[in-house]
Amino acid sequence: MTNATTITAQPGEPIIDIVRIVDAPIADVYRAYTEADLVSQWLGPRGYEMKVEVYDVRDGGTYRYTHTNPEGESFGFRGVFHSVSPDRIIQTFEFEGAPGHVSLESATFEDLGDKTRVHGHSVYFSIDDRDALINSGMEMGVVQGFERLDELLARV
């Protein structure tokens, strides 16, 4: 049984909050978020191949990766890490298919002993930008990504 993923987008606010309990200690979850070879195994929906081109997890470091769906279509994403610590990562996020629509994201990791609460907080320039992401099917990718993270952490 997987833990529930809660995705909240309040009307009138350009924000998405995602909360999920992961059945692994905080150090393991942090590693899965910061090591490119691990990130590529869980981030995004099932059936998509992830290729990490750059993943420099440090204050001021950049990242770029692509997801390729089963039909062969590729989607690029990029951003900058602004603050990196074992309990929180702050970064920008931009889908290359919609240039200029950048969000500011944080992932906070709360130590619950043998579990970790992950709280994602994303701020968009506009409600339209937020809604475009929601309508893109992001919920499926987020939920399946966390399921894949659970599977990865059970193996490593």
N, C-alpha and C. Protein backbone atom coordinates (compact mmCIF):
# COMPACT_ATOMS: atom_id res chain seq x y z
N MET A 1 0.84 -1.19 0.00
CA MET A 1 0.00 0.00 0.00
C MET A 1 0.89 1.25 0.00
N THR A 2 0.64 2.15 -0.90
CA THR A 2 1.43 3.38 -0.94
C THR A 2 0.73 4.46 -0.13
N ASN A 3 1.51 5.40 0.32
CA ASN A 3 0.96 6.53 1.06
C ASN A 3 0.27 7.48 0.10
N ALA A 4 -0.72 8.19 0.60
CA ALA A 4 -1.47 9.13 -0.22
C ALA A 4 -0.61 10.35 -0.54
N THR A 5 -0.79 10.88 -1.73
CA THR A 5 -0.16 12.13 -2.14
C THR A 5 -1.25 13.18 -2.16
N THR A 6 -1.04 14.28 -1.45
CA THR A 6 -2.01 15.36 -1.41
C THR A 6 -1.51 16.51 -2.26
N ILE A 7 -2.31 16.91 -3.25
CA ILE A 7 -1.98 18.04 -4.12
C ILE A 7 -3.05 19.10 -3.91
N THR A 8 -2.63 20.30 -3.52
CA THR A 8 -3.57 21.37 -3.22
C THR A 8 -3.26 22.59 -4.06
N ALA A 9 -4.30 23.14 -4.70
CA ALA A 9 -4.20 24.39 -5.46
C ALA A 9 -5.42 25.23 -5.06
N GLN A 10 -5.20 26.16 -4.16
CA GLN A 10 -6.31 26.99 -3.66
C GLN A 10 -6.77 27.97 -4.74
N PRO A 11 -8.08 28.14 -4.88
CA PRO A 11 -8.59 29.12 -5.85
C PRO A 11 -8.03 30.51 -5.57
N GLY A 12 -7.64 31.19 -6.63
CA GLY A 12 -7.17 32.56 -6.50
C GLY A 12 -5.72 32.71 -6.07
N GLU A 13 -5.00 31.59 -5.86
CA GLU A 13 -3.60 31.65 -5.46
C GLU A 13 -2.73 30.93 -6.49
N PRO A 14 -1.64 31.53 -6.94
CA PRO A 14 -0.78 30.89 -7.95
C PRO A 14 0.21 29.90 -7.32
N ILE A 15 -0.32 29.00 -6.51
CA ILE A 15 0.52 28.09 -5.71
C ILE A 15 -0.01 26.67 -5.81
N ILE A 16 0.92 25.71 -5.82
CA ILE A 16 0.57 24.30 -5.68
C ILE A 16 1.39 23.75 -4.52
N ASP A 17 0.72 23.06 -3.61
CA ASP A 17 1.38 22.37 -2.51
C ASP A 17 1.19 20.88 -2.67
N ILE A 18 2.25 20.13 -2.46
CA ILE A 18 2.23 18.67 -2.56
C ILE A 18 2.83 18.12 -1.28
N VAL A 19 2.11 17.20 -0.63
CA VAL A 19 2.60 16.59 0.60
C VAL A 19 2.53 15.08 0.46
N ARG A 20 3.60 14.42 0.89
CA ARG A 20 3.65 12.95 0.79
C ARG A 20 4.57 12.42 1.87
N ILE A 21 4.15 11.38 2.57
CA ILE A 21 5.01 10.65 3.51
C ILE A 21 5.71 9.56 2.69
N VAL A 22 7.04 9.50 2.83
CA VAL A 22 7.84 8.49 2.16
C VAL A 22 8.38 7.55 3.23
N ASP A 23 8.27 6.26 2.98
CA ASP A 23 8.69 5.25 3.95
C ASP A 23 10.19 5.00 3.90
N ALA A 24 10.96 6.04 4.22
CA ALA A 24 12.41 5.94 4.25
C ALA A 24 12.95 7.09 5.10
N PRO A 25 14.12 6.89 5.71
CA PRO A 25 14.73 7.97 6.50
C PRO A 25 15.09 9.18 5.63
N ILE A 26 15.16 10.33 6.26
CA ILE A 26 15.40 11.59 5.56
C ILE A 26 16.68 11.56 4.73
N ALA A 27 17.74 10.96 5.22
CA ALA A 27 19.01 10.93 4.48
C ALA A 27 18.85 10.18 3.15
N ASP A 28 18.07 9.10 3.15
CA ASP A 28 17.85 8.35 1.91
C ASP A 28 16.99 9.13 0.92
N VAL A 29 15.99 9.83 1.44
CA VAL A 29 15.12 10.63 0.57
C VAL A 29 15.93 11.79 -0.03
N TYR A 30 16.74 12.44 0.78
CA TYR A 30 17.58 13.53 0.29
C TYR A 30 18.51 13.03 -0.82
N ARG A 31 19.13 11.88 -0.62
CA ARG A 31 20.00 11.29 -1.67
C ARG A 31 19.22 11.07 -2.96
N ALA A 32 17.99 10.56 -2.85
CA ALA A 32 17.18 10.29 -4.04
C ALA A 32 16.81 11.57 -4.77
N TYR A 33 16.77 12.69 -4.08
CA TYR A 33 16.47 13.98 -4.69
C TYR A 33 17.71 14.67 -5.26
N THR A 34 18.89 14.26 -4.81
CA THR A 34 20.09 15.03 -5.17
C THR A 34 21.11 14.28 -6.01
N GLU A 35 20.97 12.99 -6.17
CA GLU A 35 21.91 12.22 -6.99
C GLU A 35 21.26 11.89 -8.33
N ALA A 36 21.85 12.38 -9.39
CA ALA A 36 21.25 12.28 -10.73
C ALA A 36 20.90 10.84 -11.11
N ASP A 37 21.76 9.89 -10.78
CA ASP A 37 21.48 8.50 -11.16
C ASP A 37 20.25 7.96 -10.42
N LEU A 38 19.96 8.49 -9.24
CA LEU A 38 18.75 8.08 -8.51
C LEU A 38 17.53 8.86 -9.01
N VAL A 39 17.69 10.17 -9.21
CA VAL A 39 16.57 11.00 -9.69
C VAL A 39 16.01 10.43 -10.99
N SER A 40 16.88 10.00 -11.87
CA SER A 40 16.44 9.50 -13.19
C SER A 40 15.63 8.22 -13.08
N GLN A 41 15.69 7.56 -11.92
CA GLN A 41 14.95 6.30 -11.74
C GLN A 41 13.55 6.50 -11.17
N TRP A 42 13.22 7.72 -10.70
CA TRP A 42 11.91 7.88 -10.07
C TRP A 42 11.13 9.11 -10.49
N LEU A 43 11.77 10.16 -10.92
CA LEU A 43 11.06 11.41 -11.18
C LEU A 43 10.23 11.31 -12.46
N GLY A 44 8.92 11.50 -12.33
CA GLY A 44 8.03 11.50 -13.48
C GLY A 44 7.20 10.24 -13.60
N PRO A 45 6.36 10.22 -14.62
CA PRO A 45 5.41 9.12 -14.77
C PRO A 45 6.07 7.81 -15.24
N ARG A 46 5.38 6.74 -14.96
CA ARG A 46 5.81 5.41 -15.43
C ARG A 46 5.80 5.40 -16.96
N GLY A 47 6.73 4.65 -17.52
CA GLY A 47 6.77 4.50 -18.97
C GLY A 47 7.56 5.57 -19.68
N TYR A 48 7.97 6.61 -18.96
CA TYR A 48 8.78 7.67 -19.55
C TYR A 48 10.25 7.40 -19.23
N GLU A 49 11.11 7.65 -20.21
CA GLU A 49 12.55 7.54 -19.97
C GLU A 49 13.06 8.92 -19.61
N MET A 50 13.88 9.00 -18.57
CA MET A 50 14.45 10.28 -18.16
C MET A 50 15.94 10.29 -18.46
N LYS A 51 16.37 11.33 -19.15
CA LYS A 51 17.79 11.53 -19.44
C LYS A 51 18.23 12.81 -18.73
N VAL A 52 19.18 12.66 -17.82
CA VAL A 52 19.71 13.81 -17.09
C VAL A 52 20.95 14.30 -17.81
N GLU A 53 20.93 15.55 -18.27
CA GLU A 53 22.07 16.13 -18.96
C GLU A 53 22.98 16.88 -17.99
N VAL A 54 22.38 17.63 -17.08
CA VAL A 54 23.11 18.38 -16.07
C VAL A 54 22.32 18.27 -14.77
N TYR A 55 23.02 18.02 -13.67
CA TYR A 55 22.35 17.96 -12.37
C TYR A 55 23.37 18.34 -11.30
N ASP A 56 23.64 19.63 -11.19
CA ASP A 56 24.67 20.18 -10.32
C ASP A 56 23.99 20.73 -9.06
N VAL A 57 23.76 19.84 -8.09
CA VAL A 57 22.98 20.19 -6.90
C VAL A 57 23.87 20.91 -5.89
N ARG A 58 23.83 22.24 -5.97
CA ARG A 58 24.55 23.12 -5.05
C ARG A 58 23.94 24.50 -5.25
N ASP A 59 24.16 25.38 -4.28
CA ASP A 59 23.67 26.75 -4.43
C ASP A 59 24.23 27.34 -5.72
N GLY A 60 23.36 27.75 -6.63
CA GLY A 60 23.77 28.31 -7.92
C GLY A 60 23.97 27.29 -9.02
N GLY A 61 23.86 26.00 -8.70
CA GLY A 61 24.01 24.96 -9.71
C GLY A 61 22.78 24.88 -10.61
N THR A 62 22.95 24.28 -11.77
CA THR A 62 21.85 24.17 -12.73
C THR A 62 21.48 22.71 -12.95
N TYR A 63 20.32 22.53 -13.58
CA TYR A 63 19.91 21.19 -14.00
C TYR A 63 19.18 21.29 -15.33
N ARG A 64 19.23 20.20 -16.06
CA ARG A 64 18.45 20.03 -17.28
C ARG A 64 18.26 18.54 -17.50
N TYR A 65 17.02 18.18 -17.80
CA TYR A 65 16.73 16.78 -18.12
C TYR A 65 15.57 16.73 -19.11
N THR A 66 15.44 15.58 -19.75
CA THR A 66 14.31 15.36 -20.64
C THR A 66 13.58 14.10 -20.21
N HIS A 67 12.28 14.13 -20.43
CA HIS A 67 11.44 12.95 -20.31
C HIS A 67 10.99 12.59 -21.72
N THR A 68 11.09 11.32 -22.06
CA THR A 68 10.62 10.85 -23.36
C THR A 68 9.51 9.84 -23.11
N ASN A 69 8.34 10.11 -23.72
CA ASN A 69 7.19 9.22 -23.50
C ASN A 69 7.29 8.00 -24.42
N PRO A 70 6.41 7.01 -24.22
CA PRO A 70 6.47 5.79 -25.03
C PRO A 70 6.29 6.03 -26.54
N GLU A 71 5.68 7.15 -26.92
CA GLU A 71 5.50 7.49 -28.33
C GLU A 71 6.73 8.15 -28.93
N GLY A 72 7.76 8.41 -28.10
CA GLY A 72 9.00 9.01 -28.58
C GLY A 72 9.07 10.51 -28.48
N GLU A 73 8.04 11.17 -27.94
CA GLU A 73 8.07 12.62 -27.77
C GLU A 73 8.91 12.97 -26.55
N SER A 74 9.79 13.98 -26.70
CA SER A 74 10.64 14.41 -25.59
C SER A 74 10.21 15.77 -25.08
N PHE A 75 10.35 15.93 -23.76
CA PHE A 75 9.97 17.16 -23.08
C PHE A 75 11.13 17.58 -22.18
N GLY A 76 11.66 18.79 -22.40
CA GLY A 76 12.80 19.26 -21.63
C GLY A 76 12.40 20.14 -20.47
N PHE A 77 13.18 20.04 -19.39
CA PHE A 77 12.96 20.83 -18.18
C PHE A 77 14.31 21.33 -17.70
N ARG A 78 14.32 22.54 -17.12
CA ARG A 78 15.57 23.09 -16.63
C ARG A 78 15.32 24.04 -15.47
N GLY A 79 16.40 24.37 -14.78
CA GLY A 79 16.28 25.30 -13.68
C GLY A 79 17.61 25.53 -12.99
N VAL A 80 17.52 26.28 -11.89
CA VAL A 80 18.68 26.64 -11.08
C VAL A 80 18.38 26.29 -9.63
N PHE A 81 19.35 25.66 -8.98
CA PHE A 81 19.25 25.40 -7.54
C PHE A 81 19.67 26.68 -6.82
N HIS A 82 18.80 27.21 -5.97
CA HIS A 82 19.09 28.45 -5.26
C HIS A 82 19.59 28.22 -3.85
N SER A 83 19.10 27.18 -3.20
CA SER A 83 19.51 26.87 -1.83
C SER A 83 19.37 25.37 -1.63
N VAL A 84 20.45 24.74 -1.20
CA VAL A 84 20.44 23.30 -1.03
C VAL A 84 20.94 22.97 0.38
N SER A 85 20.12 22.28 1.15
CA SER A 85 20.51 21.79 2.47
C SER A 85 19.80 20.45 2.69
N PRO A 86 20.25 19.66 3.65
CA PRO A 86 19.67 18.33 3.85
C PRO A 86 18.19 18.31 4.21
N ASP A 87 17.64 19.47 4.61
CA ASP A 87 16.21 19.47 4.93
C ASP A 87 15.37 20.32 3.97
N ARG A 88 16.02 20.97 2.97
CA ARG A 88 15.24 21.77 2.01
C ARG A 88 16.05 22.10 0.77
N ILE A 89 15.38 22.02 -0.37
CA ILE A 89 15.96 22.40 -1.65
C ILE A 89 15.05 23.46 -2.27
N ILE A 90 15.62 24.58 -2.67
CA ILE A 90 14.86 25.63 -3.36
C ILE A 90 15.45 25.76 -4.75
N GLN A 91 14.57 25.74 -5.76
CA GLN A 91 15.03 25.79 -7.15
C GLN A 91 13.97 26.44 -8.03
N THR A 92 14.41 26.86 -9.22
CA THR A 92 13.44 27.27 -10.24
C THR A 92 13.13 26.05 -11.10
N PHE A 93 12.01 26.12 -11.81
CA PHE A 93 11.56 25.03 -12.68
C PHE A 93 10.94 25.66 -13.92
N GLU A 94 11.39 25.19 -15.09
CA GLU A 94 10.84 25.70 -16.34
C GLU A 94 10.69 24.55 -17.33
N PHE A 95 9.49 24.41 -17.87
CA PHE A 95 9.22 23.47 -18.95
C PHE A 95 9.64 24.18 -20.23
N GLU A 96 10.56 23.57 -20.98
CA GLU A 96 11.09 24.23 -22.17
C GLU A 96 10.04 24.40 -23.27
N GLY A 97 8.94 23.67 -23.19
CA GLY A 97 7.85 23.83 -24.15
C GLY A 97 7.02 25.08 -23.90
N ALA A 98 7.24 25.72 -22.76
CA ALA A 98 6.55 26.98 -22.42
C ALA A 98 7.59 27.93 -21.82
N PRO A 99 8.53 28.39 -22.66
CA PRO A 99 9.61 29.23 -22.15
C PRO A 99 9.10 30.50 -21.48
N GLY A 100 9.80 30.89 -20.41
CA GLY A 100 9.43 32.11 -19.69
C GLY A 100 8.41 31.89 -18.59
N HIS A 101 7.85 30.72 -18.51
CA HIS A 101 6.86 30.41 -17.47
C HIS A 101 7.57 29.63 -16.37
N VAL A 102 8.33 30.33 -15.56
CA VAL A 102 9.19 29.75 -14.54
C VAL A 102 8.47 29.77 -13.20
N SER A 103 8.61 28.68 -12.45
CA SER A 103 8.09 28.66 -11.09
C SER A 103 9.25 28.57 -10.11
N LEU A 104 8.99 28.99 -8.89
CA LEU A 104 9.95 28.85 -7.80
C LEU A 104 9.44 27.72 -6.92
N GLU A 105 10.28 26.72 -6.68
CA GLU A 105 9.84 25.52 -5.97
C GLU A 105 10.73 25.25 -4.76
N SER A 106 10.09 24.71 -3.73
CA SER A 106 10.87 24.21 -2.60
C SER A 106 10.40 22.79 -2.30
N ALA A 107 11.34 21.97 -1.88
CA ALA A 107 11.05 20.64 -1.36
C ALA A 107 11.62 20.62 0.04
N THR A 108 10.75 20.47 1.02
CA THR A 108 11.17 20.42 2.42
C THR A 108 11.03 19.00 2.91
N PHE A 109 12.05 18.52 3.63
CA PHE A 109 12.07 17.15 4.13
C PHE A 109 11.99 17.19 5.65
N GLU A 110 10.94 16.56 6.19
CA GLU A 110 10.75 16.52 7.63
C GLU A 110 11.05 15.12 8.15
N ASP A 111 11.97 15.04 9.08
CA ASP A 111 12.43 13.78 9.65
C ASP A 111 11.35 13.20 10.57
N LEU A 112 10.83 12.03 10.22
CA LEU A 112 9.84 11.32 11.04
C LEU A 112 10.41 9.98 11.52
N GLY A 113 11.72 9.93 11.68
CA GLY A 113 12.36 8.68 12.10
C GLY A 113 12.64 7.80 10.89
N ASP A 114 11.89 6.71 10.77
CA ASP A 114 12.09 5.82 9.61
C ASP A 114 11.24 6.24 8.42
N LYS A 115 10.59 7.40 8.52
CA LYS A 115 9.79 7.97 7.43
C LYS A 115 10.19 9.44 7.25
N THR A 116 9.80 10.00 6.13
CA THR A 116 10.07 11.41 5.84
C THR A 116 8.84 12.04 5.23
N ARG A 117 8.44 13.20 5.74
CA ARG A 117 7.37 13.97 5.10
C ARG A 117 8.03 14.91 4.11
N VAL A 118 7.62 14.80 2.84
CA VAL A 118 8.10 15.69 1.78
C VAL A 118 6.99 16.70 1.50
N HIS A 119 7.34 17.98 1.56
CA HIS A 119 6.38 19.04 1.25
C HIS A 119 6.94 19.85 0.09
N GLY A 120 6.28 19.74 -1.04
CA GLY A 120 6.64 20.55 -2.20
C GLY A 120 5.77 21.79 -2.25
N HIS A 121 6.36 22.93 -2.49
CA HIS A 121 5.64 24.21 -2.56
C HIS A 121 6.11 24.92 -3.82
N SER A 122 5.20 25.17 -4.75
CA SER A 122 5.54 25.80 -6.03
C SER A 122 4.75 27.09 -6.19
N VAL A 123 5.45 28.16 -6.55
CA VAL A 123 4.83 29.47 -6.75
C VAL A 123 5.01 29.85 -8.22
N TYR A 124 3.91 30.25 -8.85
CA TYR A 124 3.88 30.59 -10.28
C TYR A 124 3.65 32.08 -10.44
N PHE A 125 4.01 32.62 -11.61
CA PHE A 125 3.79 34.04 -11.88
C PHE A 125 2.32 34.39 -11.95
N SER A 126 1.50 33.43 -12.35
CA SER A 126 0.08 33.71 -12.49
C SER A 126 -0.74 32.45 -12.21
N ILE A 127 -2.00 32.64 -11.97
CA ILE A 127 -2.91 31.51 -11.79
C ILE A 127 -3.03 30.75 -13.11
N ASP A 128 -2.99 31.47 -14.24
CA ASP A 128 -3.04 30.80 -15.55
C ASP A 128 -1.86 29.84 -15.72
N ASP A 129 -0.65 30.27 -15.31
CA ASP A 129 0.52 29.39 -15.38
C ASP A 129 0.32 28.16 -14.50
N ARG A 130 -0.16 28.38 -13.29
CA ARG A 130 -0.41 27.26 -12.38
C ARG A 130 -1.43 26.30 -12.98
N ASP A 131 -2.52 26.85 -13.48
CA ASP A 131 -3.59 26.01 -14.03
C ASP A 131 -3.14 25.25 -15.28
N ALA A 132 -2.27 25.87 -16.08
CA ALA A 132 -1.74 25.17 -17.26
C ALA A 132 -0.99 23.92 -16.83
N LEU A 133 -0.21 24.02 -15.76
CA LEU A 133 0.51 22.85 -15.28
C LEU A 133 -0.46 21.80 -14.75
N ILE A 134 -1.43 22.22 -13.98
CA ILE A 134 -2.41 21.28 -13.43
C ILE A 134 -3.13 20.55 -14.58
N ASN A 135 -3.52 21.29 -15.60
CA ASN A 135 -4.26 20.72 -16.73
C ASN A 135 -3.40 19.88 -17.66
N SER A 136 -2.08 19.92 -17.46
CA SER A 136 -1.17 19.14 -18.31
C SER A 136 -1.11 17.67 -17.91
N GLY A 137 -1.74 17.32 -16.80
CA GLY A 137 -1.67 15.96 -16.31
C GLY A 137 -0.59 15.76 -15.26
N MET A 138 -0.13 16.85 -14.65
CA MET A 138 0.95 16.77 -13.68
C MET A 138 0.62 15.86 -12.51
N GLU A 139 -0.66 15.75 -12.15
CA GLU A 139 -1.02 14.91 -11.00
C GLU A 139 -0.57 13.47 -11.21
N MET A 140 -0.80 12.94 -12.41
CA MET A 140 -0.39 11.57 -12.71
C MET A 140 1.12 11.42 -12.54
N GLY A 141 1.89 12.35 -13.08
CA GLY A 141 3.33 12.28 -12.98
C GLY A 141 3.83 12.39 -11.55
N VAL A 142 3.19 13.25 -10.74
CA VAL A 142 3.59 13.41 -9.34
C VAL A 142 3.29 12.14 -8.56
N VAL A 143 2.07 11.63 -8.69
CA VAL A 143 1.67 10.43 -7.93
C VAL A 143 2.53 9.23 -8.34
N GLN A 144 2.67 9.01 -9.65
CA GLN A 144 3.48 7.88 -10.10
C GLN A 144 4.95 8.07 -9.74
N GLY A 145 5.43 9.29 -9.76
CA GLY A 145 6.81 9.55 -9.36
C GLY A 145 7.05 9.16 -7.91
N PHE A 146 6.13 9.53 -7.02
CA PHE A 146 6.29 9.14 -5.62
C PHE A 146 6.20 7.62 -5.45
N GLU A 147 5.33 6.97 -6.22
CA GLU A 147 5.27 5.51 -6.15
C GLU A 147 6.61 4.91 -6.59
N ARG A 148 7.18 5.46 -7.64
CA ARG A 148 8.48 4.98 -8.12
C ARG A 148 9.59 5.29 -7.11
N LEU A 149 9.48 6.44 -6.41
CA LEU A 149 10.44 6.76 -5.36
C LEU A 149 10.37 5.72 -4.24
N ASP A 150 9.17 5.35 -3.83
CA ASP A 150 9.00 4.29 -2.82
C ASP A 150 9.69 3.00 -3.27
N GLU A 151 9.46 2.62 -4.52
CA GLU A 151 10.04 1.38 -5.05
C GLU A 151 11.57 1.46 -5.07
N LEU A 152 12.09 2.60 -5.49
CA LEU A 152 13.54 2.80 -5.52
C LEU A 152 14.14 2.70 -4.13
N LEU A 153 13.54 3.39 -3.17
CA LEU A 153 14.09 3.42 -1.82
C LEU A 153 13.98 2.06 -1.13
N ALA A 154 13.02 1.25 -1.53
CA ALA A 154 12.92 -0.11 -0.99
C ALA A 154 14.05 -0.99 -1.50
N ARG A 155 14.61 -0.64 -2.69
CA ARG A 155 15.69 -1.43 -3.31
C ARG A 155 17.07 -1.00 -2.85
N VAL A 156 17.27 0.30 -2.56
CA VAL A 156 18.63 0.79 -2.27
C VAL A 156 18.89 0.88 -0.78
